[in-house]
């Protein structure tokens, strides 16, 4: 078993899931505030975990896995 390959795949999948979570948080924020967030910190109440590697570009998540 190639553990490095498995770990790399797991990291990729986790990044994509996190990117989706940030995108979903952006939609939730928009629904509640009727405006898109301008800073990733505004999404902290909407997401569990560290999303500091992401940023918001043109109303969408940008960062690992996006």
PDB file of N, CA and C in Angstrom:
ATOM      1  N   UNK A   1       0.843  -1.174   0.000  1.00  0.00           N
ATOM      2  CA  UNK A   1       0.000   0.000   0.000  1.00  0.00           C
ATOM      3  C   UNK A   1       0.883   1.230   0.000  1.00  0.00           C
ATOM      4  N   UNK A   2       0.585   2.150  -0.894  1.00  0.00           N
ATOM      5  CA  UNK A   2       1.339   3.387  -1.020  1.00  0.00           C
ATOM      6  C   UNK A   2       0.688   4.446  -0.123  1.00  0.00           C
ATOM      7  N   UNK A   3       1.197   4.589   1.087  1.00  0.00           N
ATOM      8  CA  UNK A   3       0.571   5.500   2.050  1.00  0.00           C
ATOM      9  C   UNK A   3       0.698   6.964   1.635  1.00  0.00           C
ATOM     10  N   UNK A   4       1.784   7.318   0.954  1.00  0.00           N
ATOM     11  CA  UNK A   4       1.932   8.704   0.498  1.00  0.00           C
ATOM     12  C   UNK A   4       0.845   9.056  -0.505  1.00  0.00           C
ATOM     13  N   UNK A   5       0.539   8.146  -1.389  1.00  0.00           N
ATOM     14  CA  UNK A   5      -0.511   8.373  -2.384  1.00  0.00           C
ATOM     15  C   UNK A   5      -1.875   8.501  -1.723  1.00  0.00           C
ATOM     16  N   UNK A   6      -2.145   7.634  -0.761  1.00  0.00           N
ATOM     17  CA  UNK A   6      -3.430   7.673  -0.057  1.00  0.00           C
ATOM     18  C   UNK A   6      -3.565   8.988   0.716  1.00  0.00           C
ATOM     19  N   UNK A   7      -2.494   9.389   1.383  1.00  0.00           N
ATOM     20  CA  UNK A   7      -2.523  10.636   2.140  1.00  0.00           C
ATOM     21  C   UNK A   7      -2.750  11.819   1.206  1.00  0.00           C
ATOM     22  N   UNK A   8      -2.079  11.829   0.066  1.00  0.00           N
ATOM     23  CA  UNK A   8      -2.256  12.912  -0.906  1.00  0.00           C
ATOM     24  C   UNK A   8      -3.690  12.989  -1.408  1.00  0.00           C
ATOM     25  N   UNK A   9      -4.289  11.845  -1.659  1.00  0.00           N
ATOM     26  CA  UNK A   9      -5.679  11.808  -2.100  1.00  0.00           C
ATOM     27  C   UNK A   9      -6.603  12.316  -1.006  1.00  0.00           C
ATOM     28  N   UNK A  10      -6.361  11.922   0.224  1.00  0.00           N
ATOM     29  CA  UNK A  10      -7.193  12.363   1.342  1.00  0.00           C
ATOM     30  C   UNK A  10      -7.110  13.874   1.529  1.00  0.00           C
ATOM     31  N   UNK A  11      -5.922  14.436   1.389  1.00  0.00           N
ATOM     32  CA  UNK A  11      -5.744  15.878   1.525  1.00  0.00           C
ATOM     33  C   UNK A  11      -6.499  16.606   0.410  1.00  0.00           C
ATOM     34  N   UNK A  12      -6.416  16.090  -0.807  1.00  0.00           N
ATOM     35  CA  UNK A  12      -7.122  16.704  -1.937  1.00  0.00           C
ATOM     36  C   UNK A  12      -8.621  16.693  -1.711  1.00  0.00           C
ATOM     37  N   UNK A  13      -9.156  15.572  -1.289  1.00  0.00           N
ATOM     38  CA  UNK A  13     -10.596  15.458  -1.045  1.00  0.00           C
ATOM     39  C   UNK A  13     -11.023  16.381   0.079  1.00  0.00           C
ATOM     40  N   UNK A  14     -10.241  16.445   1.139  1.00  0.00           N
ATOM     41  CA  UNK A  14     -10.572  17.320   2.268  1.00  0.00           C
ATOM     42  C   UNK A  14     -10.555  18.785   1.840  1.00  0.00           C
ATOM     43  N   UNK A  15      -9.608  19.165   1.009  1.00  0.00           N
ATOM     44  CA  UNK A  15      -9.547  20.544   0.532  1.00  0.00           C
ATOM     45  C   UNK A  15     -10.767  20.891  -0.297  1.00  0.00           C
ATOM     46  N   UNK A  16     -11.175  19.969  -1.154  1.00  0.00           N
ATOM     47  CA  UNK A  16     -12.347  20.215  -1.981  1.00  0.00           C
ATOM     48  C   UNK A  16     -13.601  20.329  -1.122  1.00  0.00           C
ATOM     49  N   UNK A  17     -13.700  19.485  -0.103  1.00  0.00           N
ATOM     50  CA  UNK A  17     -14.849  19.553   0.797  1.00  0.00           C
ATOM     51  C   UNK A  17     -14.848  20.886   1.537  1.00  0.00           C
ATOM     52  N   UNK A  18     -13.675  21.345   1.953  1.00  0.00           N
ATOM     53  CA  UNK A  18     -13.582  22.623   2.657  1.00  0.00           C
ATOM     54  C   UNK A  18     -13.948  23.777   1.738  1.00  0.00           C
ATOM     55  N   UNK A  19     -13.530  23.711   0.487  1.00  0.00           N
ATOM     56  CA  UNK A  19     -13.876  24.747  -0.471  1.00  0.00           C
ATOM     57  C   UNK A  19     -15.394  24.801  -0.648  1.00  0.00           C
ATOM     58  N   UNK A  20     -16.013  23.662  -0.738  1.00  0.00           N
ATOM     59  CA  UNK A  20     -17.472  23.609  -0.860  1.00  0.00           C
ATOM     60  C   UNK A  20     -18.132  24.179   0.392  1.00  0.00           C
ATOM     61  N   UNK A  21     -17.581  23.873   1.564  1.00  0.00           N
ATOM     62  CA  UNK A  21     -18.142  24.393   2.817  1.00  0.00           C
ATOM     63  C   UNK A  21     -18.061  25.919   2.845  1.00  0.00           C
ATOM     64  N   UNK A  22     -16.960  26.478   2.365  1.00  0.00           N
ATOM     65  CA  UNK A  22     -16.820  27.936   2.324  1.00  0.00           C
ATOM     66  C   UNK A  22     -17.819  28.520   1.334  1.00  0.00           C
ATOM     67  N   UNK A  23     -17.979  27.890   0.168  1.00  0.00           N
ATOM     68  CA  UNK A  23     -18.974  28.369  -0.798  1.00  0.00           C
ATOM     69  C   UNK A  23     -20.379  28.336  -0.202  1.00  0.00           C
ATOM     70  N   UNK A  24     -20.697  27.268   0.516  1.00  0.00           N
ATOM     71  CA  UNK A  24     -22.018  27.164   1.146  1.00  0.00           C
ATOM     72  C   UNK A  24     -22.193  28.224   2.234  1.00  0.00           C
ATOM     73  N   UNK A  25     -21.130  28.528   2.952  1.00  0.00           N
ATOM     74  CA  UNK A  25     -21.195  29.574   3.973  1.00  0.00           C
ATOM     75  C   UNK A  25     -21.434  30.940   3.324  1.00  0.00           C
ATOM     76  N   UNK A  26     -20.836  31.160   2.165  1.00  0.00           N
ATOM     77  CA  UNK A  26     -21.050  32.413   1.448  1.00  0.00           C
ATOM     78  C   UNK A  26     -22.534  32.550   1.085  1.00  0.00           C
ATOM     79  N   UNK A  27     -23.139  31.470   0.617  1.00  0.00           N
ATOM     80  CA  UNK A  27     -24.561  31.491   0.272  1.00  0.00           C
ATOM     81  C   UNK A  27     -25.416  31.761   1.512  1.00  0.00           C
ATOM     82  N   UNK A  28     -25.086  31.111   2.625  1.00  0.00           N
ATOM     83  CA  UNK A  28     -25.816  31.346   3.868  1.00  0.00           C
ATOM     84  C   UNK A  28     -25.698  32.789   4.337  1.00  0.00           C
ATOM     85  N   UNK A  29     -24.498  33.325   4.254  1.00  0.00           N
ATOM     86  CA  UNK A  29     -24.264  34.715   4.648  1.00  0.00           C
ATOM     87  C   UNK A  29     -25.087  35.644   3.770  1.00  0.00           C
ATOM     88  N   UNK A  30     -25.068  35.393   2.481  1.00  0.00           N
ATOM     89  CA  UNK A  30     -25.824  36.202   1.532  1.00  0.00           C
ATOM     90  C   UNK A  30     -27.323  36.159   1.841  1.00  0.00           C
ATOM     91  N   UNK A  31     -27.823  34.982   2.144  1.00  0.00           N
ATOM     92  CA  UNK A  31     -29.244  34.845   2.453  1.00  0.00           C
ATOM     93  C   UNK A  31     -29.628  35.622   3.715  1.00  0.00           C
ATOM     94  N   UNK A  32     -28.755  35.622   4.706  1.00  0.00           N
ATOM     95  CA  UNK A  32     -29.074  36.302   5.955  1.00  0.00           C
ATOM     96  C   UNK A  32     -28.858  37.817   5.878  1.00  0.00           C
ATOM     97  N   UNK A  33     -27.812  38.250   5.166  1.00  0.00           N
ATOM     98  CA  UNK A  33     -27.424  39.661   5.184  1.00  0.00           C
ATOM     99  C   UNK A  33     -27.766  40.410   3.896  1.00  0.00           C
ATOM    100  N   UNK A  34     -28.249  39.707   2.894  1.00  0.00           N
ATOM    101  CA  UNK A  34     -28.617  40.293   1.606  1.00  0.00           C
ATOM    102  C   UNK A  34     -27.443  40.990   0.915  1.00  0.00           C
ATOM    103  N   UNK A  35     -26.241  40.549   1.226  1.00  0.00           N
ATOM    104  CA  UNK A  35     -25.028  41.040   0.576  1.00  0.00           C
ATOM    105  C   UNK A  35     -23.958  39.965   0.709  1.00  0.00           C
ATOM    106  N   UNK A  36     -23.030  39.929  -0.220  1.00  0.00           N
ATOM    107  CA  UNK A  36     -21.970  38.926  -0.130  1.00  0.00           C
ATOM    108  C   UNK A  36     -20.918  39.365   0.876  1.00  0.00           C
ATOM    109  N   UNK A  37     -20.300  38.423   1.557  1.00  0.00           N
ATOM    110  CA  UNK A  37     -19.232  38.777   2.496  1.00  0.00           C
ATOM    111  C   UNK A  37     -18.010  39.283   1.730  1.00  0.00           C
ATOM    112  N   UNK A  38     -17.239  40.119   2.364  1.00  0.00           N
ATOM    113  CA  UNK A  38     -16.038  40.652   1.732  1.00  0.00           C
ATOM    114  C   UNK A  38     -14.759  40.101   2.347  1.00  0.00           C
ATOM    115  N   UNK A  39     -14.880  39.476   3.509  1.00  0.00           N
ATOM    116  CA  UNK A  39     -13.706  38.925   4.195  1.00  0.00           C
ATOM    117  C   UNK A  39     -14.045  37.536   4.727  1.00  0.00           C
ATOM    118  N   UNK A  40     -13.089  36.657   4.680  1.00  0.00           N
ATOM    119  CA  UNK A  40     -13.305  35.267   5.106  1.00  0.00           C
ATOM    120  C   UNK A  40     -13.697  35.202   6.581  1.00  0.00           C
ATOM    121  N   UNK A  41     -13.247  36.136   7.374  1.00  0.00           N
ATOM    122  CA  UNK A  41     -13.587  36.165   8.794  1.00  0.00           C
ATOM    123  C   UNK A  41     -15.077  36.313   9.051  1.00  0.00           C
ATOM    124  N   UNK A  42     -15.800  36.904   8.121  1.00  0.00           N
ATOM    125  CA  UNK A  42     -17.242  37.069   8.265  1.00  0.00           C
ATOM    126  C   UNK A  42     -17.962  35.718   8.220  1.00  0.00           C
ATOM    127  N   UNK A  43     -17.301  34.699   7.696  1.00  0.00           N
ATOM    128  CA  UNK A  43     -17.927  33.384   7.553  1.00  0.00           C
ATOM    129  C   UNK A  43     -17.665  32.462   8.736  1.00  0.00           C
ATOM    130  N   UNK A  44     -16.844  32.887   9.665  1.00  0.00           N
ATOM    131  CA  UNK A  44     -16.474  32.031  10.791  1.00  0.00           C
ATOM    132  C   UNK A  44     -17.678  31.436  11.510  1.00  0.00           C
ATOM    133  N   UNK A  45     -18.767  32.182  11.755  1.00  0.00           N
ATOM    134  CA  UNK A  45     -19.918  31.571  12.427  1.00  0.00           C
ATOM    135  C   UNK A  45     -20.615  30.493  11.586  1.00  0.00           C
ATOM    136  N   UNK A  46     -20.345  30.470  10.305  1.00  0.00           N
ATOM    137  CA  UNK A  46     -21.031  29.551   9.392  1.00  0.00           C
ATOM    138  C   UNK A  46     -20.275  28.248   9.160  1.00  0.00           C
ATOM    139  N   UNK A  47     -19.010  28.196   9.545  1.00  0.00           N
ATOM    140  CA  UNK A  47     -18.177  27.031   9.248  1.00  0.00           C
ATOM    141  C   UNK A  47     -17.422  26.583  10.486  1.00  0.00           C
ATOM    142  N   UNK A  48     -17.323  25.279  10.650  1.00  0.00           N
ATOM    143  CA  UNK A  48     -16.474  24.754  11.727  1.00  0.00           C
ATOM    144  C   UNK A  48     -15.086  24.506  11.158  1.00  0.00           C
ATOM    145  N   UNK A  49     -14.076  24.807  11.936  1.00  0.00           N
ATOM    146  CA  UNK A  49     -12.707  24.549  11.517  1.00  0.00           C
ATOM    147  C   UNK A  49     -12.015  25.805  10.994  1.00  0.00           C
ATOM    148  N   UNK A  50     -10.780  25.605  10.622  1.00  0.00           N
ATOM    149  CA  UNK A  50      -9.918  26.693  10.167  1.00  0.00           C
ATOM    150  C   UNK A  50     -10.106  26.913   8.664  1.00  0.00           C
ATOM    151  N   UNK A  51     -10.594  28.076   8.290  1.00  0.00           N
ATOM    152  CA  UNK A  51     -10.763  28.410   6.881  1.00  0.00           C
ATOM    153  C   UNK A  51      -9.857  29.581   6.485  1.00  0.00           C
ATOM    154  N   UNK A  52      -8.826  29.822   7.277  1.00  0.00           N
ATOM    155  CA  UNK A  52      -7.941  30.964   7.042  1.00  0.00           C
ATOM    156  C   UNK A  52      -7.152  30.854   5.737  1.00  0.00           C
ATOM    157  N   UNK A  53      -7.056  29.669   5.159  1.00  0.00           N
ATOM    158  CA  UNK A  53      -6.332  29.501   3.897  1.00  0.00           C
ATOM    159  C   UNK A  53      -7.172  29.943   2.701  1.00  0.00           C
ATOM    160  N   UNK A  54      -8.426  30.282   2.949  1.00  0.00           N
ATOM    161  CA  UNK A  54      -9.335  30.670   1.865  1.00  0.00           C
ATOM    162  C   UNK A  54      -9.528  32.165   1.832  1.00  0.00           C
ATOM    163  N   UNK A  55      -9.995  32.652   0.700  1.00  0.00           N
ATOM    164  CA  UNK A  55     -10.370  34.050   0.556  1.00  0.00           C
ATOM    165  C   UNK A  55     -11.603  34.100  -0.336  1.00  0.00           C
ATOM    166  N   UNK A  56     -12.201  35.245  -0.430  1.00  0.00           N
ATOM    167  CA  UNK A  56     -13.393  35.414  -1.252  1.00  0.00           C
ATOM    168  C   UNK A  56     -13.010  36.240  -2.477  1.00  0.00           C
ATOM    169  N   UNK A  57     -13.251  35.672  -3.645  1.00  0.00           N
ATOM    170  CA  UNK A  57     -12.951  36.344  -4.898  1.00  0.00           C
ATOM    171  C   UNK A  57     -14.201  36.333  -5.763  1.00  0.00           C
ATOM    172  N   UNK A  58     -14.697  37.513  -6.071  1.00  0.00           N
ATOM    173  CA  UNK A  58     -15.911  37.653  -6.893  1.00  0.00           C
ATOM    174  C   UNK A  58     -17.082  36.850  -6.324  1.00  0.00           C
ATOM    175  N   UNK A  59     -17.203  36.856  -4.996  1.00  0.00           N
ATOM    176  CA  UNK A  59     -18.316  36.186  -4.339  1.00  0.00           C
ATOM    177  C   UNK A  59     -18.194  34.692  -4.208  1.00  0.00           C
ATOM    178  N   UNK A  60     -17.033  34.123  -4.524  1.00  0.00           N
ATOM    179  CA  UNK A  60     -16.826  32.671  -4.432  1.00  0.00           C
ATOM    180  C   UNK A  60     -15.577  32.368  -3.626  1.00  0.00           C
ATOM    181  N   UNK A  61     -15.530  31.162  -3.104  1.00  0.00           N
ATOM    182  CA  UNK A  61     -14.353  30.738  -2.341  1.00  0.00           C
ATOM    183  C   UNK A  61     -13.155  30.554  -3.272  1.00  0.00           C
ATOM    184  N   UNK A  62     -12.000  30.937  -2.792  1.00  0.00           N
ATOM    185  CA  UNK A  62     -10.748  30.710  -3.505  1.00  0.00           C
ATOM    186  C   UNK A  62      -9.738  30.209  -2.488  1.00  0.00           C
ATOM    187  N   UNK A  63      -9.007  29.178  -2.858  1.00  0.00           N
ATOM    188  CA  UNK A  63      -8.023  28.612  -1.956  1.00  0.00           C
ATOM    189  C   UNK A  63      -7.808  27.148  -2.265  1.00  0.00           C
ATOM    190  N   UNK A  64      -7.301  26.388  -1.310  1.00  0.00           N
ATOM    191  CA  UNK A  64      -6.988  24.977  -1.544  1.00  0.00           C
ATOM    192  C   UNK A  64      -8.202  24.184  -2.024  1.00  0.00           C
ATOM    193  N   UNK A  65      -8.033  23.504  -3.136  1.00  0.00           N
ATOM    194  CA  UNK A  65      -9.099  22.640  -3.651  1.00  0.00           C
ATOM    195  C   UNK A  65     -10.159  23.337  -4.469  1.00  0.00           C
ATOM    196  N   UNK A  66     -10.076  24.651  -4.572  1.00  0.00           N
ATOM    197  CA  UNK A  66     -11.094  25.386  -5.334  1.00  0.00           C
ATOM    198  C   UNK A  66     -10.724  25.478  -6.800  1.00  0.00           C
TER     199      UNK A  66
END
